[in-house]
Amino acid sequence: MSLMKSLARVAAGVLVAKGMSAVIKNANAPRSGQTAGQRTGTQSRRTGGGLLDQIMQGTQSRGGQGTSGGGLGDLLGQVLGGGSSAGAGTGRRYGGPNSAGASGGLGGILDQLGGGANSTRGSQSGGLGDLLGGLLGGAAGGAAGGALASRGSQKSNDASFGELLNDSLANNGEPEVAPTPEQNAVAGLMLRAMIQAAKADGKIDEGEKERLTGELGDLDDEERQFIREQMAAPVDAAALARDVPKGLEQQVYLMSVMAIDFDSQEEAQYLHQLAQAMGLQPQTINQIHQQVGVQNLYS
């Protein structure tokens, strides 16, 4: 399957798990007014609003049943996929070459953070196409990275990255319009970011592994190898930042925030290091946290 579908399934599992967790317990978060290096986790991580709050409301309305079977697909279509899956499979989810990108959902936030759809739209050559190996990273780079990014892809399309991701989330499957190799490579970069962040506290426990892989399903051998390599790779915010093309820094940070519980000093330090390495300012970081619905990193 395409890396776009893999990313959608991982993001779905992570976000729904976090939404459910918010329903049944209060996870801790850094204390307001401390620096990133001093925070130890003493307040509720959620701040209200944002994607997590929408997921929490959805799971509450379903009596906590939103993470299984058809309930999961319905919840993703309503929240993560941009409000409604009506139009999926009909072509109406894509605005074409003149669209401003995805409207609503996780894909809408990603397109907005990139400064508009043009920065994440499919293209025939150049740009991100020259960075496929670096985007995917590690042993999956180079020719192998290019082959992995080509899975389930087409040479060009008129869809933004956010539109494809929203469609994949809403359908719980492949997007109607196939991604380009460049868009697949960006999806692989987002997967790297989520896995790195999940390990930021020095470990990746069984619950975190389930969040990251529980919804993947029909992976082929190359995709499984890519996921295994990312889970085995050392946590290195600077190395990840070096592989982030200009214009994708905020999207990578957003996906990193969503993959952690934000309840330890190590996680706060990792996010701080990643933000610094990518040149993101504290105000920008806090705005991203608010869009997700978690405690600000900076006071």
C-alpha atoms as a PDB file:
ATOM      1  CA  MET A   1       0.000   0.000   0.000  1.00  0.00           C
ATOM      2  CA  SER A   2       1.085   3.622  -0.314  1.00  0.00           C
ATOM      3  CA  LEU A   3       2.953   5.391   2.465  1.00  0.00           C
ATOM      4  CA  MET A   4       0.058   7.866   2.493  1.00  0.00           C
ATOM      5  CA  LYS A   5      -2.277   5.082   3.614  1.00  0.00           C
ATOM      6  CA  SER A   6       0.278   3.912   6.204  1.00  0.00           C
ATOM      7  CA  LEU A   7       0.540   7.432   7.618  1.00  0.00           C
ATOM      8  CA  ALA A   8      -3.247   7.810   7.750  1.00  0.00           C
ATOM      9  CA  ARG A   9      -3.610   4.568   9.685  1.00  0.00           C
ATOM     10  CA  VAL A  10      -0.849   5.394  12.163  1.00  0.00           C
ATOM     11  CA  ALA A  11      -2.190   8.917  12.709  1.00  0.00           C
ATOM     12  CA  ALA A  12      -5.687   7.518  13.171  1.00  0.00           C
ATOM     13  CA  GLY A  13      -4.564   5.003  15.763  1.00  0.00           C
ATOM     14  CA  VAL A  14      -2.548   7.589  17.668  1.00  0.00           C
ATOM     15  CA  LEU A  15      -5.193  10.296  17.690  1.00  0.00           C
ATOM     16  CA  VAL A  16      -8.093   8.030  18.560  1.00  0.00           C
ATOM     17  CA  ALA A  17      -6.034   6.467  21.364  1.00  0.00           C
ATOM     18  CA  LYS A  18      -5.260   9.925  22.715  1.00  0.00           C
ATOM     19  CA  GLY A  19      -8.874  10.991  22.426  1.00  0.00           C
ATOM     20  CA  MET A  20     -10.008   7.904  24.307  1.00  0.00           C
ATOM     21  CA  SER A  21      -7.329   8.432  26.937  1.00  0.00           C
ATOM     22  CA  ALA A  22      -8.634  11.944  27.521  1.00  0.00           C
ATOM     23  CA  VAL A  23     -12.065  10.514  28.207  1.00  0.00           C
ATOM     24  CA  ILE A  24     -10.981   8.035  30.869  1.00  0.00           C
ATOM     25  CA  LYS A  25      -8.101   9.840  32.600  1.00  0.00           C
ATOM     26  CA  ASN A  26      -6.211  13.098  32.951  1.00  0.00           C
ATOM     27  CA  ALA A  27      -2.735  12.711  31.536  1.00  0.00           C
ATOM     28  CA  ASN A  28      -0.089  14.984  33.033  1.00  0.00           C
ATOM     29  CA  ALA A  29       1.528  17.870  31.189  1.00  0.00           C
ATOM     30  CA  PRO A  30       4.371  20.371  31.768  1.00  0.00           C
ATOM     31  CA  ARG A  31       3.774  23.066  34.351  1.00  0.00           C
ATOM     32  CA  SER A  32       3.039  26.481  32.868  1.00  0.00           C
ATOM     33  CA  GLY A  33       5.783  29.048  33.352  1.00  0.00           C
ATOM     34  CA  GLN A  34       8.738  26.654  33.259  1.00  0.00           C
ATOM     35  CA  THR A  35      11.282  26.246  30.510  1.00  0.00           C
ATOM     36  CA  ALA A  36      11.194  23.143  28.333  1.00  0.00           C
ATOM     37  CA  GLY A  37      14.169  21.684  30.187  1.00  0.00           C
ATOM     38  CA  GLN A  38      12.554  22.118  33.604  1.00  0.00           C
ATOM     39  CA  ARG A  39       9.116  20.695  32.917  1.00  0.00           C
ATOM     40  CA  THR A  40       8.216  17.477  34.653  1.00  0.00           C
ATOM     41  CA  GLY A  41       4.493  16.977  34.081  1.00  0.00           C
ATOM     42  CA  THR A  42       2.058  18.227  36.717  1.00  0.00           C
ATOM     43  CA  GLN A  43      -1.027  19.552  34.922  1.00  0.00           C
ATOM     44  CA  SER A  44      -3.634  18.299  32.477  1.00  0.00           C
ATOM     45  CA  ARG A  45      -2.004  18.005  29.034  1.00  0.00           C
ATOM     46  CA  ARG A  46      -5.213  18.999  27.264  1.00  0.00           C
ATOM     47  CA  THR A  47      -6.231  22.621  26.957  1.00  0.00           C
ATOM     48  CA  GLY A  48      -9.604  22.328  25.222  1.00  0.00           C
ATOM     49  CA  GLY A  49     -10.240  22.857  21.554  1.00  0.00           C
ATOM     50  CA  GLY A  50      -8.155  21.366  18.798  1.00  0.00           C
ATOM     51  CA  LEU A  51      -8.244  17.918  17.272  1.00  0.00           C
ATOM     52  CA  LEU A  52      -8.004  16.046  20.562  1.00  0.00           C
ATOM     53  CA  ASP A  53     -11.051  17.800  21.952  1.00  0.00           C
ATOM     54  CA  GLN A  54     -13.057  16.975  18.839  1.00  0.00           C
ATOM     55  CA  ILE A  55     -12.040  13.327  19.106  1.00  0.00           C
ATOM     56  CA  MET A  56     -12.907  13.264  22.799  1.00  0.00           C
ATOM     57  CA  GLN A  57     -16.363  14.646  22.070  1.00  0.00           C
ATOM     58  CA  GLY A  58     -16.841  12.067  19.349  1.00  0.00           C
ATOM     59  CA  THR A  59     -15.842   9.161  21.569  1.00  0.00           C
ATOM     60  CA  GLN A  60     -18.035  10.410  24.410  1.00  0.00           C
ATOM     61  CA  SER A  61     -21.028  10.666  22.089  1.00  0.00           C
ATOM     62  CA  ARG A  62     -20.427   7.031  21.112  1.00  0.00           C
ATOM     63  CA  GLY A  63     -20.143   5.884  24.686  1.00  0.00           C
ATOM     64  CA  GLY A  64     -16.449   5.090  24.264  1.00  0.00           C
ATOM     65  CA  GLN A  65     -17.062   2.845  21.246  1.00  0.00           C
ATOM     66  CA  GLY A  66     -15.287   5.036  18.703  1.00  0.00           C
ATOM     67  CA  THR A  67     -12.128   2.948  18.341  1.00  0.00           C
ATOM     68  CA  SER A  68     -13.436  -0.314  16.987  1.00  0.00           C
ATOM     69  CA  GLY A  69     -14.876  -1.565  13.737  1.00  0.00           C
ATOM     70  CA  GLY A  70     -17.092   0.819  11.809  1.00  0.00           C
ATOM     71  CA  GLY A  71     -17.060   3.290  14.687  1.00  0.00           C
ATOM     72  CA  LEU A  72     -13.415   4.076  13.996  1.00  0.00           C
ATOM     73  CA  GLY A  73     -14.042   4.777  10.331  1.00  0.00           C
ATOM     74  CA  ASP A  74     -17.040   6.962  11.129  1.00  0.00           C
ATOM     75  CA  LEU A  75     -15.105   8.949  13.722  1.00  0.00           C
ATOM     76  CA  LEU A  76     -12.179   9.555  11.390  1.00  0.00           C
ATOM     77  CA  GLY A  77     -14.482  10.617   8.584  1.00  0.00           C
ATOM     78  CA  GLN A  78     -16.178  13.160  10.825  1.00  0.00           C
ATOM     79  CA  VAL A  79     -13.148  14.598  12.613  1.00  0.00           C
ATOM     80  CA  LEU A  80      -9.767  13.724  11.137  1.00  0.00           C
ATOM     81  CA  GLY A  81     -10.951  13.528   7.550  1.00  0.00           C
ATOM     82  CA  GLY A  82     -12.426  17.012   7.507  1.00  0.00           C
ATOM     83  CA  GLY A  83     -15.982  16.749   8.800  1.00  0.00           C
ATOM     84  CA  SER A  84     -17.792  14.308   6.548  1.00  0.00           C
ATOM     85  CA  SER A  85     -16.901  11.462   4.242  1.00  0.00           C
ATOM     86  CA  ALA A  86     -19.733  12.487   1.889  1.00  0.00           C
ATOM     87  CA  GLY A  87     -18.079  13.051  -1.435  1.00  0.00           C
ATOM     88  CA  ALA A  88     -15.315  10.525  -0.861  1.00  0.00           C
ATOM     89  CA  GLY A  89     -15.120   8.333  -3.902  1.00  0.00           C
ATOM     90  CA  THR A  90     -16.777  10.960  -6.096  1.00  0.00           C
ATOM     91  CA  GLY A  91     -13.853  13.292  -6.719  1.00  0.00           C
ATOM     92  CA  ARG A  92     -15.432  16.189  -4.812  1.00  0.00           C
ATOM     93  CA  ARG A  93     -12.846  15.989  -2.046  1.00  0.00           C
ATOM     94  CA  TYR A  94     -10.219  17.436  -4.397  1.00  0.00           C
ATOM     95  CA  GLY A  95     -10.238  21.069  -5.399  1.00  0.00           C
ATOM     96  CA  GLY A  96      -7.954  20.740  -8.407  1.00  0.00           C
ATOM     97  CA  PRO A  97      -4.934  22.860  -9.369  1.00  0.00           C
ATOM     98  CA  ASN A  98      -6.459  26.144  -8.173  1.00  0.00           C
ATOM     99  CA  SER A  99      -7.712  24.968  -4.795  1.00  0.00           C
ATOM    100  CA  ALA A 100      -6.377  26.316  -1.509  1.00  0.00           C
ATOM    101  CA  GLY A 101      -5.892  22.785  -0.221  1.00  0.00           C
ATOM    102  CA  ALA A 102      -7.763  20.600   2.228  1.00  0.00           C
ATOM    103  CA  SER A 103     -10.662  22.057   4.192  1.00  0.00           C
ATOM    104  CA  GLY A 104     -10.819  20.940   7.812  1.00  0.00           C
ATOM    105  CA  GLY A 105      -9.437  17.885   9.521  1.00  0.00           C
ATOM    106  CA  LEU A 106      -5.814  16.944   9.986  1.00  0.00           C
ATOM    107  CA  GLY A 107      -5.061  17.478   6.308  1.00  0.00           C
ATOM    108  CA  GLY A 108      -6.447  21.007   6.456  1.00  0.00           C
ATOM    109  CA  ILE A 109      -4.129  21.908   9.319  1.00  0.00           C
ATOM    110  CA  LEU A 110      -1.127  20.446   7.499  1.00  0.00           C
ATOM    111  CA  ASP A 111      -1.885  22.382   4.304  1.00  0.00           C
ATOM    112  CA  GLN A 112      -2.367  25.616   6.273  1.00  0.00           C
ATOM    113  CA  LEU A 113       0.890  25.139   8.156  1.00  0.00           C
ATOM    114  CA  GLY A 114       2.683  24.744   4.845  1.00  0.00           C
ATOM    115  CA  GLY A 115       1.510  28.141   3.674  1.00  0.00           C
ATOM    116  CA  GLY A 116      -1.058  26.798   1.240  1.00  0.00           C
ATOM    117  CA  ALA A 117      -1.657  23.786  -0.950  1.00  0.00           C
ATOM    118  CA  ASN A 118       1.007  24.597  -3.521  1.00  0.00           C
ATOM    119  CA  SER A 119       3.800  23.637  -1.127  1.00  0.00           C
ATOM    120  CA  THR A 120       2.374  20.121  -0.746  1.00  0.00           C
ATOM    121  CA  ARG A 121       0.850  19.547  -4.172  1.00  0.00           C
ATOM    122  CA  GLY A 122       2.027  16.728  -6.437  1.00  0.00           C
ATOM    123  CA  SER A 123       4.513  17.558  -9.175  1.00  0.00           C
ATOM    124  CA  GLN A 124       6.202  15.756 -11.998  1.00  0.00           C
ATOM    125  CA  SER A 125       9.842  16.440 -11.217  1.00  0.00           C
ATOM    126  CA  GLY A 126      12.324  18.463  -9.180  1.00  0.00           C
ATOM    127  CA  GLY A 127      11.806  19.855  -5.677  1.00  0.00           C
ATOM    128  CA  LEU A 128      11.086  17.084  -3.206  1.00  0.00           C
ATOM    129  CA  GLY A 129      11.742  14.486  -5.904  1.00  0.00           C
ATOM    130  CA  ASP A 130      15.468  15.071  -5.445  1.00  0.00           C
ATOM    131  CA  LEU A 131      15.206  14.378  -1.711  1.00  0.00           C
ATOM    132  CA  LEU A 132      13.327  11.054  -1.613  1.00  0.00           C
ATOM    133  CA  GLY A 133      16.153   9.135  -0.001  1.00  0.00           C
ATOM    134  CA  GLY A 134      16.801  11.796   2.612  1.00  0.00           C
ATOM    135  CA  LEU A 135      13.117  12.136   3.445  1.00  0.00           C
ATOM    136  CA  LEU A 136      12.703   8.434   4.113  1.00  0.00           C
ATOM    137  CA  GLY A 137      16.067   8.248   5.855  1.00  0.00           C
ATOM    138  CA  GLY A 138      18.329   5.467   7.044  1.00  0.00           C
ATOM    139  CA  ALA A 139      18.654   2.228   5.127  1.00  0.00           C
ATOM    140  CA  ALA A 140      15.407   3.042   3.330  1.00  0.00           C
ATOM    141  CA  GLY A 141      17.103   5.964   1.561  1.00  0.00           C
ATOM    142  CA  GLY A 142      18.580   6.118  -1.902  1.00  0.00           C
ATOM    143  CA  ALA A 143      17.258   3.716  -4.527  1.00  0.00           C
ATOM    144  CA  ALA A 144      15.361   1.691  -1.921  1.00  0.00           C
ATOM    145  CA  GLY A 145      13.708   4.856  -0.670  1.00  0.00           C
ATOM    146  CA  GLY A 146      12.684   5.808  -4.174  1.00  0.00           C
ATOM    147  CA  ALA A 147      11.161   2.361  -4.727  1.00  0.00           C
ATOM    148  CA  LEU A 148       9.207   2.561  -1.471  1.00  0.00           C
ATOM    149  CA  ALA A 149       7.914   6.032  -2.294  1.00  0.00           C
ATOM    150  CA  SER A 150       6.799   4.789  -5.719  1.00  0.00           C
ATOM    151  CA  ARG A 151       4.463   2.185  -4.218  1.00  0.00           C
ATOM    152  CA  GLY A 152       0.853   3.058  -5.004  1.00  0.00           C
ATOM    153  CA  SER A 153       1.902   6.322  -6.647  1.00  0.00           C
ATOM    154  CA  GLN A 154       1.451   8.164  -9.927  1.00  0.00           C
ATOM    155  CA  LYS A 155       3.729  10.653 -11.662  1.00  0.00           C
ATOM    156  CA  SER A 156       1.627  13.733 -10.953  1.00  0.00           C
ATOM    157  CA  ASN A 157      -1.756  14.876  -9.621  1.00  0.00           C
ATOM    158  CA  ASP A 158      -3.704  18.023  -8.781  1.00  0.00           C
ATOM    159  CA  ALA A 159      -4.246  17.128  -5.121  1.00  0.00           C
ATOM    160  CA  SER A 160      -2.552  18.644  -2.097  1.00  0.00           C
ATOM    161  CA  PHE A 161      -0.956  16.447   0.557  1.00  0.00           C
ATOM    162  CA  GLY A 162      -3.704  17.384   3.010  1.00  0.00           C
ATOM    163  CA  GLU A 163      -6.476  16.465   0.580  1.00  0.00           C
ATOM    164  CA  LEU A 164      -4.971  13.017   0.039  1.00  0.00           C
ATOM    165  CA  LEU A 165      -4.467  12.446   3.762  1.00  0.00           C
ATOM    166  CA  ASN A 166      -8.010  13.542   4.620  1.00  0.00           C
ATOM    167  CA  ASP A 167      -9.426  11.211   1.991  1.00  0.00           C
ATOM    168  CA  SER A 168      -7.328   8.314   3.260  1.00  0.00           C
ATOM    169  CA  LEU A 169      -8.431   9.034   6.833  1.00  0.00           C
ATOM    170  CA  ALA A 170     -12.093   9.270   5.862  1.00  0.00           C
ATOM    171  CA  ASN A 171     -11.968   6.066   3.799  1.00  0.00           C
ATOM    172  CA  ASN A 172      -9.686   4.185   6.216  1.00  0.00           C
ATOM    173  CA  GLY A 173      -7.836   3.138   3.075  1.00  0.00           C
ATOM    174  CA  GLU A 174      -6.087   4.423  -0.019  1.00  0.00           C
ATOM    175  CA  PRO A 175      -6.982   7.933  -1.211  1.00  0.00           C
ATOM    176  CA  GLU A 176      -9.089   8.096  -4.353  1.00  0.00           C
ATOM    177  CA  VAL A 177      -6.326   9.979  -6.170  1.00  0.00           C
ATOM    178  CA  ALA A 178      -2.970   8.203  -5.986  1.00  0.00           C
ATOM    179  CA  PRO A 179      -0.150  10.226  -4.391  1.00  0.00           C
ATOM    180  CA  THR A 180       3.014  11.141  -6.238  1.00  0.00           C
ATOM    181  CA  PRO A 181       6.344   9.615  -5.121  1.00  0.00           C
ATOM    182  CA  GLU A 182       7.139  12.996  -3.541  1.00  0.00           C
ATOM    183  CA  GLN A 183       3.917  12.962  -1.516  1.00  0.00           C
ATOM    184  CA  ASN A 184       4.584   9.381  -0.450  1.00  0.00           C
ATOM    185  CA  ALA A 185       8.074  10.406   0.653  1.00  0.00           C
ATOM    186  CA  VAL A 186       6.621  13.254   2.728  1.00  0.00           C
ATOM    187  CA  ALA A 187       4.230  10.731   4.311  1.00  0.00           C
ATOM    188  CA  GLY A 188       7.271   8.598   5.139  1.00  0.00           C
ATOM    189  CA  LEU A 189       8.912  11.632   6.727  1.00  0.00           C
ATOM    190  CA  MET A 190       5.806  12.199   8.863  1.00  0.00           C
ATOM    191  CA  LEU A 191       5.924   8.549   9.953  1.00  0.00           C
ATOM    192  CA  ARG A 192       9.579   8.995  10.929  1.00  0.00           C
ATOM    193  CA  ALA A 193       8.628  12.056  12.961  1.00  0.00           C
ATOM    194  CA  MET A 194       5.842  10.253  14.819  1.00  0.00           C
ATOM    195  CA  ILE A 195       8.009   7.231  15.643  1.00  0.00           C
ATOM    196  CA  GLN A 196      10.921   9.404  16.804  1.00  0.00           C
ATOM    197  CA  ALA A 197       8.616  11.394  19.069  1.00  0.00           C
ATOM    198  CA  ALA A 198       7.032   8.247  20.521  1.00  0.00           C
ATOM    199  CA  LYS A 199      10.516   7.156  21.623  1.00  0.00           C
ATOM    200  CA  ALA A 200      11.464  10.558  23.039  1.00  0.00           C
ATOM    201  CA  ASP A 201      11.047   9.444  26.660  1.00  0.00           C
ATOM    202  CA  GLY A 202      13.765   6.831  26.133  1.00  0.00           C
ATOM    203  CA  LYS A 203      11.548   3.884  25.334  1.00  0.00           C
ATOM    204  CA  ILE A 204       8.700   2.744  23.163  1.00  0.00           C
ATOM    205  CA  ASP A 205       6.371   0.570  25.206  1.00  0.00           C
ATOM    206  CA  GLU A 206       3.791  -1.907  23.987  1.00  0.00           C
ATOM    207  CA  GLY A 207       1.017   0.660  24.162  1.00  0.00           C
ATOM    208  CA  GLU A 208       2.986   3.053  21.975  1.00  0.00           C
ATOM    209  CA  LYS A 209       3.805   0.271  19.513  1.00  0.00           C
ATOM    210  CA  GLU A 210       0.118  -0.544  19.284  1.00  0.00           C
ATOM    211  CA  ARG A 211      -0.725   3.096  18.602  1.00  0.00           C
ATOM    212  CA  LEU A 212       1.874   3.253  15.856  1.00  0.00           C
ATOM    213  CA  THR A 213       1.275  -0.113  14.191  1.00  0.00           C
ATOM    214  CA  GLY A 214      -2.072  -1.465  15.360  1.00  0.00           C
ATOM    215  CA  GLU A 215      -4.008  -0.082  12.403  1.00  0.00           C
ATOM    216  CA  LEU A 216      -1.445  -0.746   9.665  1.00  0.00           C
ATOM    217  CA  GLY A 217      -2.846  -4.060   8.491  1.00  0.00           C
ATOM    218  CA  ASP A 218      -1.681  -5.146   5.038  1.00  0.00           C
ATOM    219  CA  LEU A 219       1.916  -3.922   4.960  1.00  0.00           C
ATOM    220  CA  ASP A 220       4.283  -5.493   2.447  1.00  0.00           C
ATOM    221  CA  ASP A 221       7.814  -6.589   3.398  1.00  0.00           C
ATOM    222  CA  GLU A 222       9.475  -3.302   2.386  1.00  0.00           C
ATOM    223  CA  GLU A 223       7.013  -1.241   4.398  1.00  0.00           C
ATOM    224  CA  ARG A 224       7.389  -3.470   7.450  1.00  0.00           C
ATOM    225  CA  GLN A 225      11.172  -3.136   7.159  1.00  0.00           C
ATOM    226  CA  PHE A 226      10.856   0.654   6.973  1.00  0.00           C
ATOM    227  CA  ILE A 227       8.740   0.739  10.147  1.00  0.00           C
ATOM    228  CA  ARG A 228      11.134  -1.636  11.962  1.00  0.00           C
ATOM    229  CA  GLU A 229      14.129   0.503  10.989  1.00  0.00           C
ATOM    230  CA  GLN A 230      12.479   3.646  12.274  1.00  0.00           C
ATOM    231  CA  MET A 231      11.580   1.988  15.576  1.00  0.00           C
ATOM    232  CA  ALA A 232      15.168   0.749  15.979  1.00  0.00           C
ATOM    233  CA  ALA A 233      16.807   4.053  15.006  1.00  0.00           C
ATOM    234  CA  PRO A 234      18.251   6.229  17.797  1.00  0.00           C
ATOM    235  CA  VAL A 235      16.268   9.280  18.852  1.00  0.00           C
ATOM    236  CA  ASP A 236      17.961  12.210  17.137  1.00  0.00           C
ATOM    237  CA  ALA A 237      16.014  15.445  16.714  1.00  0.00           C
ATOM    238  CA  ALA A 238      18.868  17.117  14.842  1.00  0.00           C
ATOM    239  CA  ALA A 239      19.145  14.285  12.306  1.00  0.00           C
ATOM    240  CA  LEU A 240      15.412  14.374  11.638  1.00  0.00           C
ATOM    241  CA  ALA A 241      15.506  18.147  11.241  1.00  0.00           C
ATOM    242  CA  ARG A 242      18.289  17.897   8.651  1.00  0.00           C
ATOM    243  CA  ASP A 243      16.036  15.778   6.427  1.00  0.00           C
ATOM    244  CA  VAL A 244      13.079  18.172   6.591  1.00  0.00           C
ATOM    245  CA  PRO A 245      12.764  20.235   3.377  1.00  0.00           C
ATOM    246  CA  LYS A 246      12.154  23.943   3.754  1.00  0.00           C
ATOM    247  CA  GLY A 247       8.437  24.604   4.163  1.00  0.00           C
ATOM    248  CA  LEU A 248       7.610  21.343   5.939  1.00  0.00           C
ATOM    249  CA  GLU A 249       9.034  22.164   9.370  1.00  0.00           C
ATOM    250  CA  GLN A 250       5.712  23.026  11.002  1.00  0.00           C
ATOM    251  CA  GLN A 251       3.967  19.936   9.610  1.00  0.00           C
ATOM    252  CA  VAL A 252       6.725  17.666  10.927  1.00  0.00           C
ATOM    253  CA  TYR A 253       6.482  19.304  14.337  1.00  0.00           C
ATOM    254  CA  LEU A 254       2.700  18.878  14.400  1.00  0.00           C
ATOM    255  CA  MET A 255       2.944  15.154  13.673  1.00  0.00           C
ATOM    256  CA  SER A 256       5.603  14.833  16.385  1.00  0.00           C
ATOM    257  CA  VAL A 257       3.370  16.465  19.000  1.00  0.00           C
ATOM    258  CA  MET A 258       0.529  14.082  18.187  1.00  0.00           C
ATOM    259  CA  ALA A 259       2.670  10.981  18.755  1.00  0.00           C
ATOM    260  CA  ILE A 260       3.611  11.638  22.395  1.00  0.00           C
ATOM    261  CA  ASP A 261       1.783  11.649  25.730  1.00  0.00           C
ATOM    262  CA  PHE A 262       3.515  14.880  26.761  1.00  0.00           C
ATOM    263  CA  ASP A 263       3.909  13.687  30.332  1.00  0.00           C
ATOM    264  CA  SER A 264       7.676  13.647  30.845  1.00  0.00           C
ATOM    265  CA  GLN A 265      10.609  16.016  30.907  1.00  0.00           C
ATOM    266  CA  GLU A 266      12.329  14.006  28.163  1.00  0.00           C
ATOM    267  CA  GLU A 267       9.424  14.503  25.777  1.00  0.00           C
ATOM    268  CA  ALA A 268       9.309  18.255  26.386  1.00  0.00           C
ATOM    269  CA  GLN A 269      13.067  18.456  25.867  1.00  0.00           C
ATOM    270  CA  TYR A 270      12.810  16.497  22.618  1.00  0.00           C
ATOM    271  CA  LEU A 271      10.145  18.837  21.248  1.00  0.00           C
ATOM    272  CA  HIS A 272      12.236  21.836  22.281  1.00  0.00           C
ATOM    273  CA  GLN A 273      15.315  20.404  20.544  1.00  0.00           C
ATOM    274  CA  LEU A 274      13.342  19.583  17.384  1.00  0.00           C
ATOM    275  CA  ALA A 275      11.834  23.065  17.279  1.00  0.00           C
ATOM    276  CA  GLN A 276      15.248  24.682  17.668  1.00  0.00           C
ATOM    277  CA  ALA A 277      16.857  22.440  15.054  1.00  0.00           C
ATOM    278  CA  MET A 278      14.162  23.369  12.533  1.00  0.00           C
ATOM    279  CA  GLY A 279      14.296  27.074  13.384  1.00  0.00           C
ATOM    280  CA  LEU A 280      10.726  27.328  14.672  1.00  0.00           C
ATOM    281  CA  GLN A 281       9.880  30.182  17.032  1.00  0.00           C
ATOM    282  CA  PRO A 282       8.138  29.671  20.420  1.00  0.00           C
ATOM    283  CA  GLN A 283       5.002  31.520  19.303  1.00  0.00           C
ATOM    284  CA  THR A 284       4.672  29.241  16.266  1.00  0.00           C
ATOM    285  CA  ILE A 285       5.172  26.161  18.442  1.00  0.00           C
ATOM    286  CA  ASN A 286       2.477  27.226  20.891  1.00  0.00           C
ATOM    287  CA  GLN A 287       0.054  27.860  18.034  1.00  0.00           C
ATOM    288  CA  ILE A 288       0.601  24.315  16.786  1.00  0.00           C
ATOM    289  CA  HIS A 289      -0.021  22.949  20.283  1.00  0.00           C
ATOM    290  CA  GLN A 290      -3.294  24.858  20.399  1.00  0.00           C
ATOM    291  CA  GLN A 291      -4.405  23.385  17.085  1.00  0.00           C
ATOM    292  CA  VAL A 292      -3.797  19.883  18.459  1.00  0.00           C
ATOM    293  CA  GLY A 293      -5.327  20.804  21.824  1.00  0.00           C
ATOM    294  CA  VAL A 294      -2.369  20.239  24.183  1.00  0.00           C
ATOM    295  CA  GLN A 295      -0.558  22.358  26.746  1.00  0.00           C
ATOM    296  CA  ASN A 296       1.786  25.010  25.325  1.00  0.00           C
ATOM    297  CA  LEU A 297       5.462  24.137  25.322  1.00  0.00           C
ATOM    298  CA  TYR A 298       6.533  27.692  26.155  1.00  0.00           C
ATOM    299  CA  SER A 299       5.094  30.164  28.657  1.00  0.00           C
END
